[in-house]
C-alpha atoms as a PDB file:
ATOM      1  CA  MET A   1     243.831 -56.955  81.378  1.00  0.00           C
ATOM      2  CA  ASP A   2     240.706 -59.336  80.894  1.00  0.00           C
ATOM      3  CA  ARG A   3     238.216 -59.178  78.109  1.00  0.00           C
ATOM      4  CA  ASN A   4     235.364 -57.897  80.113  1.00  0.00           C
ATOM      5  CA  LYS A   5     237.485 -55.138  81.150  1.00  0.00           C
ATOM      6  CA  MET A   6     238.530 -54.366  77.550  1.00  0.00           C
ATOM      7  CA  LYS A   7     234.989 -54.337  76.363  1.00  0.00           C
ATOM      8  CA  ASP A   8     233.879 -51.959  79.095  1.00  0.00           C
ATOM      9  CA  ASN A   9     236.599 -49.791  78.424  1.00  0.00           C
ATOM     10  CA  ALA A  10     235.792 -49.813  74.692  1.00  0.00           C
ATOM     11  CA  GLU A  11     232.126 -48.962  75.651  1.00  0.00           C
ATOM     12  CA  LYS A  12     233.390 -45.965  77.678  1.00  0.00           C
ATOM     13  CA  VAL A  13     235.503 -44.745  74.469  1.00  0.00           C
ATOM     14  CA  PHE A  14     232.644 -45.252  72.122  1.00  0.00           C
ATOM     15  CA  ALA A  15     230.387 -42.930  74.293  1.00  0.00           C
ATOM     16  CA  LYS A  16     232.929 -40.376  74.586  1.00  0.00           C
ATOM     17  CA  MET A  17     233.712 -40.370  70.720  1.00  0.00           C
ATOM     18  CA  LYS A  18     230.088 -39.780  70.121  1.00  0.00           C
ATOM     19  CA  MET A  19     230.613 -36.208  71.337  1.00  0.00           C
ATOM     20  CA  GLY A  20     232.772 -35.253  68.707  1.00  0.00           C
ATOM     21  CA  TYR A  21     233.947 -36.016  65.150  1.00  0.00           C
ATOM     22  CA  ARG A  22     237.895 -37.078  65.201  1.00  0.00           C
ATOM     23  CA  TYR A  23     240.131 -37.805  67.764  1.00  0.00           C
ATOM     24  CA  THR A  24     243.923 -38.189  68.198  1.00  0.00           C
ATOM     25  CA  LEU A  25     245.123 -40.834  70.703  1.00  0.00           C
ATOM     26  CA  ASN A  26     246.318 -37.989  72.864  1.00  0.00           C
ATOM     27  CA  LYS A  27     242.681 -36.349  72.785  1.00  0.00           C
ATOM     28  CA  LEU A  28     241.310 -39.665  73.665  1.00  0.00           C
ATOM     29  CA  GLN A  29     243.622 -40.160  76.598  1.00  0.00           C
ATOM     30  CA  GLU A  30     242.491 -36.797  77.774  1.00  0.00           C
ATOM     31  CA  ILE A  31     239.113 -37.279  77.561  1.00  0.00           C
ATOM     32  CA  THR A  32     238.910 -40.867  79.044  1.00  0.00           C
ATOM     33  CA  ALA A  33     241.794 -40.497  81.570  1.00  0.00           C
ATOM     34  CA  PHE A  34     242.894 -44.171  80.384  1.00  0.00           C
ATOM     35  CA  GLY A  35     246.617 -45.179  80.118  1.00  0.00           C
ATOM     36  CA  THR A  36     247.825 -45.936  76.898  1.00  0.00           C
ATOM     37  CA  THR A  37     247.611 -49.363  77.174  1.00  0.00           C
ATOM     38  CA  GLU A  38     244.107 -49.480  78.209  1.00  0.00           C
ATOM     39  CA  LEU A  39     243.264 -47.005  75.564  1.00  0.00           C
ATOM     40  CA  CYS A  40     245.006 -48.839  72.816  1.00  0.00           C
ATOM     41  CA  MET A  41     243.292 -52.249  73.826  1.00  0.00           C
ATOM     42  CA  ALA A  42     239.711 -50.295  73.798  1.00  0.00           C
ATOM     43  CA  ILE A  43     240.634 -48.904  70.216  1.00  0.00           C
ATOM     44  CA  LEU A  44     241.398 -52.457  69.043  1.00  0.00           C
ATOM     45  CA  VAL A  45     238.127 -53.782  70.357  1.00  0.00           C
ATOM     46  CA  LEU A  46     236.239 -51.000  68.638  1.00  0.00           C
ATOM     47  CA  ILE A  47     238.241 -51.360  65.310  1.00  0.00           C
ATOM     48  CA  ARG A  48     237.718 -54.916  65.327  1.00  0.00           C
ATOM     49  CA  ASP A  49     233.998 -54.461  65.913  1.00  0.00           C
ATOM     50  CA  ASN A  50     234.031 -52.119  62.765  1.00  0.00           C
ATOM     51  CA  ARG A  51     232.802 -49.217  65.215  1.00  0.00           C
ATOM     52  CA  VAL A  52     235.951 -47.086  64.963  1.00  0.00           C
ATOM     53  CA  LYS A  53     238.077 -46.131  61.739  1.00  0.00           C
ATOM     54  CA  GLN A  54     241.664 -45.425  61.989  1.00  0.00           C
ATOM     55  CA  PHE A  55     243.450 -43.289  59.621  1.00  0.00           C
ATOM     56  CA  GLN A  56     246.223 -40.832  59.068  1.00  0.00           C
ATOM     57  CA  CYS A  57     245.391 -37.328  59.527  1.00  0.00           C
ATOM     58  CA  GLU A  58     247.535 -33.895  59.918  1.00  0.00           C
ATOM     59  CA  GLU A  59     247.729 -34.301  63.547  1.00  0.00           C
ATOM     60  CA  GLY A  60     249.013 -37.957  63.156  1.00  0.00           C
ATOM     61  CA  VAL A  61     246.765 -41.084  63.501  1.00  0.00           C
ATOM     62  CA  CYS A  62     243.181 -40.087  64.003  1.00  0.00           C
ATOM     63  CA  TYR A  63     240.210 -42.268  64.935  1.00  0.00           C
ATOM     64  CA  VAL A  64     236.417 -41.501  63.766  1.00  0.00           C
ATOM     65  CA  LEU A  65     233.197 -43.402  64.256  1.00  0.00           C
ATOM     66  CA  GLU A  66     232.191 -45.740  61.545  1.00  0.00           C
ATOM     67  CA  LYS A  67     229.090 -44.805  59.688  1.00  0.00           C
ATOM     68  CA  ALA A  68     226.437 -47.709  60.387  1.00  0.00           C
END
């Protein structure tokens, strides 16, 4: 997967995440229809750019948008 595709996917995930508060990996897969690898790479881009935070929650690992 090239960098441009990863960035595009990250933007799509970020846009979807703006609609809610916190998401599990399964929920993000459901709303984006990305495969596991595509979604994980997009999340890594967002975490690296300090746009998404990962933490442990009741459902497992959750992701939320970082506050600006």
